[in-house]
Amino acid sequence: MRLLRFCRSRASVADLAAELDLPLGVVRILLADLRERGLVNIYQPVASGLSDVRILKEVADALRRL
């Protein structure tokens, strides 16, 4: 199965859906089934720090200046 090959490297569900040209919801269901069978592990993304409101405001301000 192509999905299992792509799961060898950590990739987001969106990246997997794009690579396989499948709807996001379909890939989520397939991954849930694979997880139940113990064929894949699912990891939560690490916070990137973009939730800092100050940084988001600085980016918005810079974009407005363009």
N, C-alpha and C. Protein backbone atom coordinates (compact mmCIF):
# COMPACT_ATOMS: atom_id res chain seq x y z
N MET A 1 0.84 -1.17 0.00
CA MET A 1 0.00 0.00 0.00
C MET A 1 0.89 1.25 0.00
N ARG A 2 0.57 2.18 -0.88
CA ARG A 2 1.38 3.39 -1.03
C ARG A 2 1.39 4.23 0.24
N LEU A 3 0.26 4.26 0.92
CA LEU A 3 0.18 5.07 2.14
C LEU A 3 1.20 4.62 3.18
N LEU A 4 1.36 3.33 3.35
CA LEU A 4 2.35 2.82 4.31
C LEU A 4 3.76 3.22 3.93
N ARG A 5 4.07 3.22 2.64
CA ARG A 5 5.41 3.65 2.21
C ARG A 5 5.66 5.11 2.58
N PHE A 6 4.66 5.96 2.37
CA PHE A 6 4.83 7.37 2.69
C PHE A 6 4.87 7.62 4.19
N CYS A 7 4.31 6.71 4.97
CA CYS A 7 4.30 6.86 6.43
C CYS A 7 5.64 6.53 7.06
N ARG A 8 6.56 6.00 6.31
CA ARG A 8 7.87 5.68 6.88
C ARG A 8 8.58 6.90 7.41
N SER A 9 8.40 8.01 6.74
CA SER A 9 8.95 9.27 7.27
C SER A 9 7.79 10.03 7.91
N ARG A 10 8.09 10.78 8.93
CA ARG A 10 7.03 11.53 9.58
C ARG A 10 6.53 12.61 8.64
N ALA A 11 5.27 12.53 8.31
CA ALA A 11 4.65 13.50 7.42
C ALA A 11 3.28 13.87 7.98
N SER A 12 2.85 15.06 7.65
CA SER A 12 1.52 15.47 8.10
C SER A 12 0.46 14.74 7.29
N VAL A 13 -0.73 14.70 7.83
CA VAL A 13 -1.84 14.07 7.11
C VAL A 13 -2.10 14.83 5.81
N ALA A 14 -1.98 16.15 5.86
CA ALA A 14 -2.18 16.96 4.66
C ALA A 14 -1.14 16.62 3.59
N ASP A 15 0.11 16.44 4.00
CA ASP A 15 1.16 16.07 3.05
C ASP A 15 0.88 14.71 2.43
N LEU A 16 0.43 13.76 3.25
CA LEU A 16 0.12 12.43 2.74
C LEU A 16 -1.03 12.50 1.74
N ALA A 17 -2.06 13.28 2.07
CA ALA A 17 -3.21 13.42 1.18
C ALA A 17 -2.78 14.03 -0.15
N ALA A 18 -1.93 15.03 -0.10
CA ALA A 18 -1.46 15.66 -1.33
C ALA A 18 -0.61 14.69 -2.16
N GLU A 19 0.26 13.98 -1.51
CA GLU A 19 1.13 13.03 -2.21
C GLU A 19 0.33 11.92 -2.87
N LEU A 20 -0.72 11.47 -2.21
CA LEU A 20 -1.54 10.37 -2.73
C LEU A 20 -2.70 10.86 -3.60
N ASP A 21 -2.89 12.18 -3.66
CA ASP A 21 -3.99 12.78 -4.42
C ASP A 21 -5.34 12.23 -3.95
N LEU A 22 -5.51 12.20 -2.63
CA LEU A 22 -6.75 11.73 -2.01
C LEU A 22 -7.30 12.82 -1.10
N PRO A 23 -8.60 12.84 -0.88
CA PRO A 23 -9.16 13.82 0.05
C PRO A 23 -8.61 13.61 1.46
N LEU A 24 -8.46 14.69 2.18
CA LEU A 24 -7.91 14.66 3.53
C LEU A 24 -8.70 13.72 4.43
N GLY A 25 -10.01 13.77 4.36
CA GLY A 25 -10.85 12.92 5.20
C GLY A 25 -10.63 11.44 4.94
N VAL A 26 -10.42 11.09 3.69
CA VAL A 26 -10.17 9.68 3.33
C VAL A 26 -8.86 9.22 3.95
N VAL A 27 -7.83 10.04 3.86
CA VAL A 27 -6.52 9.68 4.41
C VAL A 27 -6.61 9.57 5.93
N ARG A 28 -7.37 10.43 6.56
CA ARG A 28 -7.53 10.35 8.02
C ARG A 28 -8.18 9.03 8.42
N ILE A 29 -9.18 8.60 7.68
CA ILE A 29 -9.85 7.33 7.97
C ILE A 29 -8.90 6.16 7.75
N LEU A 30 -8.16 6.20 6.65
CA LEU A 30 -7.20 5.12 6.36
C LEU A 30 -6.14 5.04 7.46
N LEU A 31 -5.63 6.19 7.89
CA LEU A 31 -4.63 6.21 8.95
C LEU A 31 -5.18 5.69 10.26
N ALA A 32 -6.43 6.02 10.57
CA ALA A 32 -7.04 5.51 11.79
C ALA A 32 -7.14 3.99 11.75
N ASP A 33 -7.50 3.45 10.60
CA ASP A 33 -7.56 1.99 10.45
C ASP A 33 -6.18 1.36 10.60
N LEU A 34 -5.17 1.98 10.00
CA LEU A 34 -3.81 1.46 10.10
C LEU A 34 -3.30 1.54 11.54
N ARG A 35 -3.69 2.59 12.22
CA ARG A 35 -3.27 2.75 13.63
C ARG A 35 -3.91 1.67 14.50
N GLU A 36 -5.18 1.39 14.27
CA GLU A 36 -5.87 0.34 15.04
C GLU A 36 -5.19 -1.01 14.86
N ARG A 37 -4.61 -1.23 13.70
CA ARG A 37 -3.93 -2.50 13.41
C ARG A 37 -2.47 -2.48 13.86
N GLY A 38 -2.04 -1.34 14.41
CA GLY A 38 -0.66 -1.23 14.89
C GLY A 38 0.37 -1.07 13.79
N LEU A 39 -0.08 -0.62 12.62
CA LEU A 39 0.85 -0.49 11.49
C LEU A 39 1.50 0.88 11.39
N VAL A 40 0.91 1.88 12.02
CA VAL A 40 1.49 3.22 12.03
C VAL A 40 1.35 3.82 13.42
N ASN A 41 2.21 4.75 13.72
CA ASN A 41 2.12 5.55 14.93
C ASN A 41 1.74 6.96 14.52
N ILE A 42 0.93 7.58 15.32
CA ILE A 42 0.50 8.95 15.03
C ILE A 42 1.03 9.85 16.13
N TYR A 43 1.70 10.91 15.72
CA TYR A 43 2.30 11.85 16.65
C TYR A 43 1.65 13.21 16.50
N GLN A 44 1.47 13.89 17.60
CA GLN A 44 0.97 15.26 17.58
C GLN A 44 2.11 16.18 17.18
N PRO A 45 1.83 17.19 16.39
CA PRO A 45 2.90 18.12 16.00
C PRO A 45 3.44 18.89 17.21
N VAL A 46 4.70 19.21 17.15
CA VAL A 46 5.33 19.99 18.20
C VAL A 46 4.97 21.46 17.98
N ALA A 47 4.63 22.13 19.04
CA ALA A 47 4.27 23.54 18.94
C ALA A 47 5.43 24.32 18.33
N SER A 48 5.12 25.17 17.38
CA SER A 48 6.16 25.90 16.68
C SER A 48 6.40 27.29 17.24
N GLY A 49 5.64 27.68 18.24
CA GLY A 49 5.81 29.02 18.79
C GLY A 49 5.00 30.07 18.05
N LEU A 50 4.27 29.65 17.01
CA LEU A 50 3.49 30.62 16.26
C LEU A 50 2.19 31.00 16.96
N SER A 51 1.96 30.45 18.12
CA SER A 51 0.78 30.84 18.87
C SER A 51 1.05 32.09 19.69
N ASP A 52 2.29 32.58 19.66
CA ASP A 52 2.64 33.80 20.36
C ASP A 52 2.01 34.98 19.62
N VAL A 53 1.07 35.65 20.25
CA VAL A 53 0.32 36.73 19.62
C VAL A 53 1.25 37.85 19.17
N ARG A 54 2.28 38.12 19.94
CA ARG A 54 3.22 39.20 19.58
C ARG A 54 3.87 38.92 18.24
N ILE A 55 4.31 37.69 18.02
CA ILE A 55 4.95 37.33 16.76
C ILE A 55 3.95 37.44 15.61
N LEU A 56 2.74 36.98 15.82
CA LEU A 56 1.73 37.06 14.77
C LEU A 56 1.41 38.51 14.41
N LYS A 57 1.36 39.39 15.42
CA LYS A 57 1.11 40.81 15.15
C LYS A 57 2.27 41.42 14.36
N GLU A 58 3.50 41.06 14.71
CA GLU A 58 4.66 41.57 13.99
C GLU A 58 4.63 41.13 12.53
N VAL A 59 4.25 39.90 12.28
CA VAL A 59 4.16 39.40 10.90
C VAL A 59 3.06 40.16 10.16
N ALA A 60 1.91 40.33 10.79
CA ALA A 60 0.80 41.06 10.15
C ALA A 60 1.21 42.48 9.84
N ASP A 61 1.89 43.15 10.77
CA ASP A 61 2.34 44.52 10.54
C ASP A 61 3.32 44.58 9.38
N ALA A 62 4.24 43.63 9.33
CA ALA A 62 5.22 43.61 8.23
C ALA A 62 4.53 43.39 6.89
N LEU A 63 3.53 42.54 6.86
CA LEU A 63 2.81 42.29 5.61
C LEU A 63 2.04 43.54 5.17
N ARG A 64 1.49 44.28 6.11
CA ARG A 64 0.77 45.51 5.77
C ARG A 64 1.71 46.55 5.17
N ARG A 65 2.96 46.56 5.61
CA ARG A 65 3.93 47.53 5.10
C ARG A 65 4.39 47.23 3.69
N LEU A 66 4.16 46.01 3.22
CA LEU A 66 4.61 45.63 1.87
C LEU A 66 3.88 46.35 0.79
